């Protein structure tokens, strides 16, 4: 059966897919319907932190699946409370709202910021990406994403990323929140400078806005720390998280300080599926496996090794931990040839690769990736 041709008649055509059908995964590797093996350097776009089909993850999720999947937030469930306890420990935040995705986490964060401050304006940054629903889209920079769906949430202003002087011109006493990725992912893996982040928090004291850090892509060990904020030694008012939070299982969260939480009331926001027992079990299992196998530390160690090896071939390699951007000639062609050679890559632009493999990656996997890239470039 020609599954790809069949898909064209069934699925809304909003995705640009590669010519491969994956059927199963194991560790850092994917297998297509013909049994061909691929080294996965995309991991569901930074989602599958602990690798595909981790046996302990499967066991814990299956155990919950047999007991209870969904009852809604009309009632209490224990997995949600256990997960919140774990998140409190690793994030340093106080209260948690569970949802189903990164864009939902951003939507909640924007609403919470408006409610907590009584202000309306948001300031975001050039090349930032926060999601495609109407609120998250409003603070996403690229016009090609926003323009077809305007009018969006207003007022929103975009300041230049890593430009403190431009930020000073955009924030004012009407600003509810500044939202940023500490490492811009969709833009191609560009870290914020320490001085720039410092300025954001200094201006916060002057104007009284909140700082929302979008850790959807950077969270749960991706950058060699539990969260990217640890690289900058800052404590935001709100953190949006998702992706690796459930190692591929859909779950998101907006984490807030006590000061924000005390301004929120019953009915201010909600989610039918948010924090359901199965999703929470997946996230609990993910966190426990990351802790047990020291995957945050492995991310830091293997990230340094990967970047060193890439630096032997490429003049511009950026990132932290296992969130790596590489400037290359003709990125899409490299992605295509990589797939042919059994390596799954991702291009964020015509001259940039984003490498976000599972946090369990080993040196031998990295050496294989470098060998394939070298072969492609010859």
Protein backbone atom coordinates (compact mmCIF):
# COMPACT_ATOMS: atom_id res chain seq x y z
CA UNK A 1 0.00 0.00 0.00
CA UNK A 2 1.21 3.51 -0.84
CA UNK A 3 0.70 5.09 2.58
CA UNK A 4 2.14 8.45 1.54
CA UNK A 5 -0.28 8.79 -1.37
CA UNK A 6 -3.14 7.68 0.88
CA UNK A 7 -2.21 10.34 3.45
CA UNK A 8 -2.62 13.12 0.88
CA UNK A 9 -6.33 12.36 0.64
CA UNK A 10 -6.88 12.27 4.40
CA UNK A 11 -4.69 14.71 6.32
CA UNK A 12 -4.94 18.52 6.31
CA UNK A 13 -1.86 19.56 4.28
CA UNK A 14 -0.11 21.79 6.85
CA UNK A 15 3.03 19.66 7.23
CA UNK A 16 6.08 19.38 5.00
CA UNK A 17 7.05 15.76 5.60
CA UNK A 18 10.15 13.80 4.62
CA UNK A 19 9.77 10.72 2.43
CA UNK A 20 9.98 8.12 5.18
CA UNK A 21 7.45 6.26 7.33
CA UNK A 22 8.74 5.41 10.79
CA UNK A 23 7.24 2.41 12.52
CA UNK A 24 9.13 1.92 15.77
CA UNK A 25 11.97 3.26 17.86
CA UNK A 26 14.52 1.92 20.32
CA UNK A 27 16.94 4.11 22.24
CA UNK A 28 18.53 6.65 19.89
CA UNK A 29 17.35 4.81 16.79
CA UNK A 30 14.25 4.76 14.60
CA UNK A 31 13.15 2.03 12.19
CA UNK A 32 11.05 2.55 9.07
CA UNK A 33 8.40 0.20 7.68
CA UNK A 34 11.10 -1.62 5.67
CA UNK A 35 13.23 -2.26 8.75
CA UNK A 36 15.96 0.28 7.92
CA UNK A 37 17.62 1.79 11.02
CA UNK A 38 18.21 5.54 11.50
CA UNK A 39 20.15 7.44 14.15
CA UNK A 40 17.66 9.99 15.49
CA UNK A 41 19.17 13.45 15.99
CA UNK A 42 15.75 15.13 16.11
CA UNK A 43 13.98 13.09 18.83
CA UNK A 44 10.51 14.31 17.92
CA UNK A 45 11.82 17.92 17.92
CA UNK A 46 13.57 17.73 21.30
CA UNK A 47 10.82 15.62 22.87
CA UNK A 48 12.07 12.05 23.33
CA UNK A 49 14.58 12.85 26.07
CA UNK A 50 15.04 9.34 27.45
CA UNK A 51 15.10 7.63 24.06
CA UNK A 52 12.48 5.65 22.24
CA UNK A 53 10.60 2.86 24.04
CA UNK A 54 12.63 3.05 27.24
CA UNK A 55 11.54 -0.15 29.07
CA UNK A 56 11.08 1.53 32.46
CA UNK A 57 9.04 4.33 30.85
CA UNK A 58 6.85 1.82 29.02
CA UNK A 59 6.29 -0.19 32.21
CA UNK A 60 5.27 2.83 34.28
CA UNK A 61 2.98 4.30 31.64
CA UNK A 62 1.38 0.89 31.03
CA UNK A 63 0.82 0.46 34.76
CA UNK A 64 -1.13 3.73 34.85
CA UNK A 65 -2.94 2.91 31.59
CA UNK A 66 -4.38 -0.21 33.25
CA UNK A 67 -5.66 1.83 36.22
CA UNK A 68 -7.00 5.20 35.04
CA UNK A 69 -6.55 7.44 32.00
CA UNK A 70 -8.91 10.38 32.41
CA UNK A 71 -11.44 11.84 34.84
CA UNK A 72 -10.99 15.59 34.10
CA UNK A 73 -10.07 18.36 36.52
CA UNK A 74 -13.44 18.17 38.23
CA UNK A 75 -11.72 15.74 40.60
CA UNK A 76 -8.40 15.14 42.34
CA UNK A 77 -5.90 12.56 41.07
CA UNK A 78 -2.68 11.52 42.80
CA UNK A 79 -0.31 11.46 39.76
CA UNK A 80 -0.94 15.17 39.18
CA UNK A 81 0.05 16.01 42.75
CA UNK A 82 3.15 13.78 42.64
CA UNK A 83 4.24 15.40 39.38
CA UNK A 84 3.76 18.89 40.81
CA UNK A 85 5.94 17.94 43.79
CA UNK A 86 8.70 16.77 41.47
CA UNK A 87 8.46 19.90 39.32
CA UNK A 88 8.61 22.12 42.41
CA UNK A 89 11.90 20.45 43.31
CA UNK A 90 13.58 20.72 39.90
CA UNK A 91 12.21 24.11 38.78
CA UNK A 92 12.13 26.10 42.02
CA UNK A 93 8.66 27.37 41.06
CA UNK A 94 5.65 27.27 43.39
CA UNK A 95 2.43 26.34 41.56
CA UNK A 96 1.69 24.44 38.34
CA UNK A 97 -1.01 24.43 35.68
CA UNK A 98 -1.04 21.33 33.46
CA UNK A 99 -2.02 21.30 29.81
CA UNK A 100 -1.20 19.26 26.71
CA UNK A 101 1.45 21.07 24.65
CA UNK A 102 3.98 23.87 24.50
CA UNK A 103 1.70 26.32 22.76
CA UNK A 104 -0.98 25.68 25.40
CA UNK A 105 1.60 26.33 28.12
CA UNK A 106 2.43 29.66 26.48
CA UNK A 107 -1.28 30.55 26.15
CA UNK A 108 -1.79 29.92 29.85
CA UNK A 109 1.34 31.89 30.72
CA UNK A 110 0.17 34.94 28.77
CA UNK A 111 -3.25 34.84 30.43
CA UNK A 112 -1.72 34.46 33.88
CA UNK A 113 0.59 37.43 33.26
CA UNK A 114 -2.29 39.70 32.28
CA UNK A 115 -4.40 38.62 35.24
CA UNK A 116 -1.57 38.96 37.75
CA UNK A 117 -0.43 42.40 36.59
CA UNK A 118 -3.67 43.95 35.32
CA UNK A 119 -1.65 45.10 32.28
CA UNK A 120 -2.08 44.16 28.61
CA UNK A 121 1.13 44.64 26.63
CA UNK A 122 3.64 41.91 25.82
CA UNK A 123 7.20 42.32 24.61
CA UNK A 124 8.76 39.44 22.67
CA UNK A 125 11.88 39.16 20.53
CA UNK A 126 12.97 38.98 16.93
CA UNK A 127 13.21 35.39 15.68
CA UNK A 128 11.42 34.08 18.78
CA UNK A 129 8.98 31.19 18.39
CA UNK A 130 6.30 30.38 20.97
CA UNK A 131 3.60 28.43 19.12
CA UNK A 132 0.86 28.68 16.52
CA UNK A 133 -2.38 29.23 18.45
CA UNK A 134 -3.69 32.79 18.51
CA UNK A 135 -2.07 34.02 21.71
CA UNK A 136 1.23 32.17 21.28
CA UNK A 137 1.30 33.21 17.64
CA UNK A 138 0.96 36.85 18.66
CA UNK A 139 4.36 36.73 20.37
CA UNK A 140 5.99 34.63 17.62
CA UNK A 141 8.16 36.80 15.40
CA UNK A 142 8.02 35.52 11.83
CA UNK A 143 5.47 37.43 9.79
CA UNK A 144 4.76 34.42 7.55
CA UNK A 145 3.31 32.65 10.61
CA UNK A 146 1.34 35.65 11.92
CA UNK A 147 0.07 37.66 8.95
CA UNK A 148 -2.57 35.23 7.56
CA UNK A 149 -4.27 35.09 10.98
CA UNK A 150 -4.34 38.74 12.02
CA UNK A 151 -5.76 40.46 13.97
CA UNK A 152 -4.03 38.70 16.81
CA UNK A 153 -3.60 39.53 20.50
CA UNK A 154 -2.51 43.13 20.96
CA UNK A 155 -0.56 45.10 22.03
CA UNK A 156 2.65 43.20 21.28
CA UNK A 157 6.04 44.72 20.47
CA UNK A 158 9.14 42.90 19.24
CA UNK A 159 12.54 43.98 20.52
CA UNK A 160 15.79 42.89 18.93
CA UNK A 161 17.12 39.69 20.48
CA UNK A 162 20.33 40.26 22.43
CA UNK A 163 19.98 44.05 22.07
CA UNK A 164 19.50 45.60 25.51
CA UNK A 165 19.18 49.15 24.17
CA UNK A 166 16.31 48.19 21.87
CA UNK A 167 14.56 46.39 24.72
CA UNK A 168 14.76 49.57 26.81
CA UNK A 169 12.79 51.37 24.07
CA UNK A 170 10.03 48.74 23.95
CA UNK A 171 9.17 48.07 27.60
CA UNK A 172 7.15 50.57 29.64
CA UNK A 173 4.75 50.83 32.57
CA UNK A 174 2.00 49.15 30.48
CA UNK A 175 4.01 45.97 29.91
CA UNK A 176 2.44 42.88 31.46
CA UNK A 177 5.32 40.55 30.58
CA UNK A 178 8.46 40.03 28.58
CA UNK A 179 8.53 36.55 27.03
CA UNK A 180 11.71 34.96 25.73
CA UNK A 181 13.53 31.76 24.89
CA UNK A 182 16.88 31.80 26.66
CA UNK A 183 18.11 29.75 23.71
CA UNK A 184 16.08 30.36 20.57
CA UNK A 185 15.28 26.93 19.12
CA UNK A 186 13.28 27.33 15.93
CA UNK A 187 15.51 30.25 14.97
CA UNK A 188 18.46 27.86 14.82
CA UNK A 189 19.80 27.53 18.41
CA UNK A 190 20.93 31.02 19.38
CA UNK A 191 21.65 31.59 23.10
CA UNK A 192 20.83 34.86 24.82
CA UNK A 193 23.83 36.73 26.19
CA UNK A 194 24.21 36.94 29.96
CA UNK A 195 24.28 40.74 29.82
CA UNK A 196 21.05 40.81 27.81
CA UNK A 197 19.23 38.55 30.27
CA UNK A 198 20.55 40.63 33.16
CA UNK A 199 19.06 43.75 31.54
CA UNK A 200 15.66 42.07 31.17
CA UNK A 201 15.54 41.45 34.91
CA UNK A 202 16.88 44.89 35.82
CA UNK A 203 14.17 46.56 33.74
CA UNK A 204 11.61 44.30 35.37
CA UNK A 205 12.39 45.99 38.69
CA UNK A 206 11.87 49.41 37.10
CA UNK A 207 8.63 48.74 35.21
CA UNK A 208 7.01 45.95 37.24
CA UNK A 209 6.42 43.52 34.42
CA UNK A 210 6.70 39.73 34.71
CA UNK A 211 9.28 37.60 32.94
CA UNK A 212 7.98 34.52 31.12
CA UNK A 213 10.74 32.11 30.14
CA UNK A 214 9.73 29.70 27.38
CA UNK A 215 11.54 26.46 28.31
CA UNK A 216 9.40 24.30 26.03
CA UNK A 217 12.44 23.23 24.02
CA UNK A 218 15.22 23.86 26.56
CA UNK A 219 13.74 22.10 29.58
CA UNK A 220 14.36 18.75 31.23
CA UNK A 221 18.09 18.42 30.67
CA UNK A 222 18.29 19.46 27.04
CA UNK A 223 20.96 22.14 27.62
CA UNK A 224 23.05 20.27 30.18
CA UNK A 225 21.03 21.75 33.06
CA UNK A 226 17.52 20.84 34.16
CA UNK A 227 16.38 24.19 32.73
CA UNK A 228 18.18 26.84 30.67
CA UNK A 229 17.49 29.46 33.36
CA UNK A 230 20.19 27.78 35.46
CA UNK A 231 22.84 28.85 32.95
CA UNK A 232 21.86 32.47 33.65
CA UNK A 233 21.16 32.20 37.38
CA UNK A 234 17.75 33.87 37.07
CA UNK A 235 14.32 33.11 38.53
CA UNK A 236 11.45 34.00 36.18
CA UNK A 237 7.88 34.65 37.29
CA UNK A 238 6.47 32.10 34.87
CA UNK A 239 7.96 29.14 32.99
CA UNK A 240 6.29 27.46 30.02
CA UNK A 241 7.35 23.85 29.51
CA UNK A 242 6.38 20.80 27.42
CA UNK A 243 8.20 18.64 24.79
CA UNK A 244 10.65 16.51 26.84
CA UNK A 245 8.38 16.79 29.87
CA UNK A 246 6.67 13.52 28.89
CA UNK A 247 9.45 12.17 26.64
CA UNK A 248 7.10 12.26 23.67
CA UNK A 249 3.79 11.84 25.49
CA UNK A 250 1.70 15.04 25.10
CA UNK A 251 1.89 17.16 28.24
CA UNK A 252 2.67 20.80 29.00
CA UNK A 253 2.79 23.07 32.02
CA UNK A 254 2.82 26.71 33.04
CA UNK A 255 4.74 27.07 36.29
CA UNK A 256 4.31 30.25 38.34
CA UNK A 257 5.57 31.87 41.50
CA UNK A 258 3.36 32.16 44.58
CA UNK A 259 2.98 35.88 43.84
CA UNK A 260 1.42 35.13 40.46
CA UNK A 261 -0.65 32.20 41.73
CA UNK A 262 -2.31 34.27 44.46
CA UNK A 263 -3.75 36.61 41.81
CA UNK A 264 -5.47 33.74 39.97
CA UNK A 265 -8.98 32.51 40.68
CA UNK A 266 -11.06 29.44 39.93
CA UNK A 267 -12.30 29.62 36.35
CA UNK A 268 -9.49 31.86 35.08
CA UNK A 269 -8.23 29.01 32.91
CA UNK A 270 -8.77 25.29 32.44
CA UNK A 271 -8.15 22.16 30.39
CA UNK A 272 -10.22 19.01 30.04
CA UNK A 273 -7.25 16.74 29.41
CA UNK A 274 -4.58 18.81 31.18
CA UNK A 275 -2.77 16.83 33.86
CA UNK A 276 -4.66 13.61 33.20
CA UNK A 277 -3.30 10.59 35.11
CA UNK A 278 -1.70 8.95 32.07
CA UNK A 279 0.16 12.08 30.95
CA UNK A 280 1.33 12.75 34.51
CA UNK A 281 2.55 9.16 34.85
CA UNK A 282 4.56 9.63 31.64
CA UNK A 283 6.12 12.82 33.00
CA UNK A 284 6.87 11.31 36.41
CA UNK A 285 8.56 8.36 34.69
CA UNK A 286 10.56 10.73 32.47
CA UNK A 287 11.85 12.76 35.41
CA UNK A 288 12.73 9.65 37.43
CA UNK A 289 14.63 8.09 34.51
CA UNK A 290 16.52 11.34 33.84
CA UNK A 291 17.51 11.42 37.52
CA UNK A 292 18.32 7.70 37.79
CA UNK A 293 20.61 7.60 34.75
CA UNK A 294 22.08 11.10 35.23
CA UNK A 295 20.92 12.23 31.81
CA UNK A 296 21.30 15.94 32.60
CA UNK A 297 24.98 15.28 33.22
CA UNK A 298 25.18 13.13 30.09
CA UNK A 299 23.62 15.94 28.08
CA UNK A 300 26.33 18.33 29.24
CA UNK A 301 29.15 15.83 28.63
CA UNK A 302 27.97 14.49 25.28
CA UNK A 303 26.98 17.98 24.14
CA UNK A 304 30.54 19.21 24.63
CA UNK A 305 31.91 16.18 22.78
CA UNK A 306 29.41 16.58 19.91
CA UNK A 307 30.19 20.28 19.53
CA UNK A 308 33.94 19.58 19.55
CA UNK A 309 33.56 16.97 16.81
CA UNK A 310 31.32 19.25 14.75
CA UNK A 311 33.84 22.06 15.21
CA UNK A 312 36.33 19.93 13.27
CA UNK A 313 34.13 20.31 10.17
CA UNK A 314 32.09 23.49 10.59
CA UNK A 315 33.15 27.05 11.37
CA UNK A 316 30.00 27.95 13.35
CA UNK A 317 28.65 25.62 16.02
CA UNK A 318 26.32 27.04 18.71
CA UNK A 319 24.36 25.83 21.68
CA UNK A 320 24.46 24.27 25.12
CA UNK A 321 24.28 20.61 26.07
CA UNK A 322 22.49 18.57 23.43
CA UNK A 323 20.79 21.57 21.85
CA UNK A 324 23.13 22.37 18.97
CA UNK A 325 22.94 24.62 15.93
CA UNK A 326 25.36 24.29 13.01
CA UNK A 327 25.82 26.64 10.07
CA UNK A 328 26.05 24.53 6.92
CA UNK A 329 25.85 24.91 3.15
CA UNK A 330 22.45 23.82 1.77
CA UNK A 331 20.88 22.41 4.94
CA UNK A 332 17.90 20.76 3.25
CA UNK A 333 20.18 18.81 0.93
CA UNK A 334 22.19 17.61 3.93
CA UNK A 335 18.95 16.53 5.65
CA UNK A 336 17.92 14.61 2.52
CA UNK A 337 21.27 12.87 2.16
CA UNK A 338 21.39 12.19 5.89
CA UNK A 339 18.10 10.33 5.66
CA UNK A 340 19.50 8.26 2.79
CA UNK A 341 22.53 7.45 4.95
CA UNK A 342 20.42 6.55 8.00
CA UNK A 343 20.71 9.73 10.08
CA UNK A 344 17.66 11.89 10.93
CA UNK A 345 18.50 15.61 10.83
CA UNK A 346 16.52 18.84 10.98
CA UNK A 347 17.03 22.09 9.07
CA UNK A 348 15.69 25.30 10.63
CA UNK A 349 16.73 27.42 7.62
CA UNK A 350 18.55 27.06 4.33
CA UNK A 351 21.93 27.24 6.09
CA UNK A 352 21.33 25.81 9.56
CA UNK A 353 20.94 22.38 11.15
CA UNK A 354 19.41 21.85 14.60
CA UNK A 355 20.65 18.75 16.44
CA UNK A 356 18.58 17.67 19.46
CA UNK A 357 19.15 13.93 19.99
CA UNK A 358 17.88 11.87 22.93
CA UNK A 359 19.79 12.61 26.12
CA UNK A 360 20.96 8.99 26.28
CA UNK A 361 23.21 9.43 23.22
CA UNK A 362 26.68 7.86 23.47
CA UNK A 363 30.06 8.75 21.96
CA UNK A 364 29.76 5.97 19.40
CA UNK A 365 26.44 7.40 18.21
CA UNK A 366 27.98 10.86 17.89
CA UNK A 367 30.96 9.44 16.01
CA UNK A 368 28.54 7.76 13.59
CA UNK A 369 26.71 11.06 13.04
CA UNK A 370 29.98 12.92 12.40
CA UNK A 371 31.15 10.19 10.02
CA UNK A 372 27.94 10.45 7.99
CA UNK A 373 28.08 14.25 7.90
CA UNK A 374 31.70 14.10 6.73
CA UNK A 375 30.72 11.65 3.99
CA UNK A 376 27.86 13.92 2.85
CA UNK A 377 30.15 16.96 2.68
CA UNK A 378 32.86 15.21 0.64
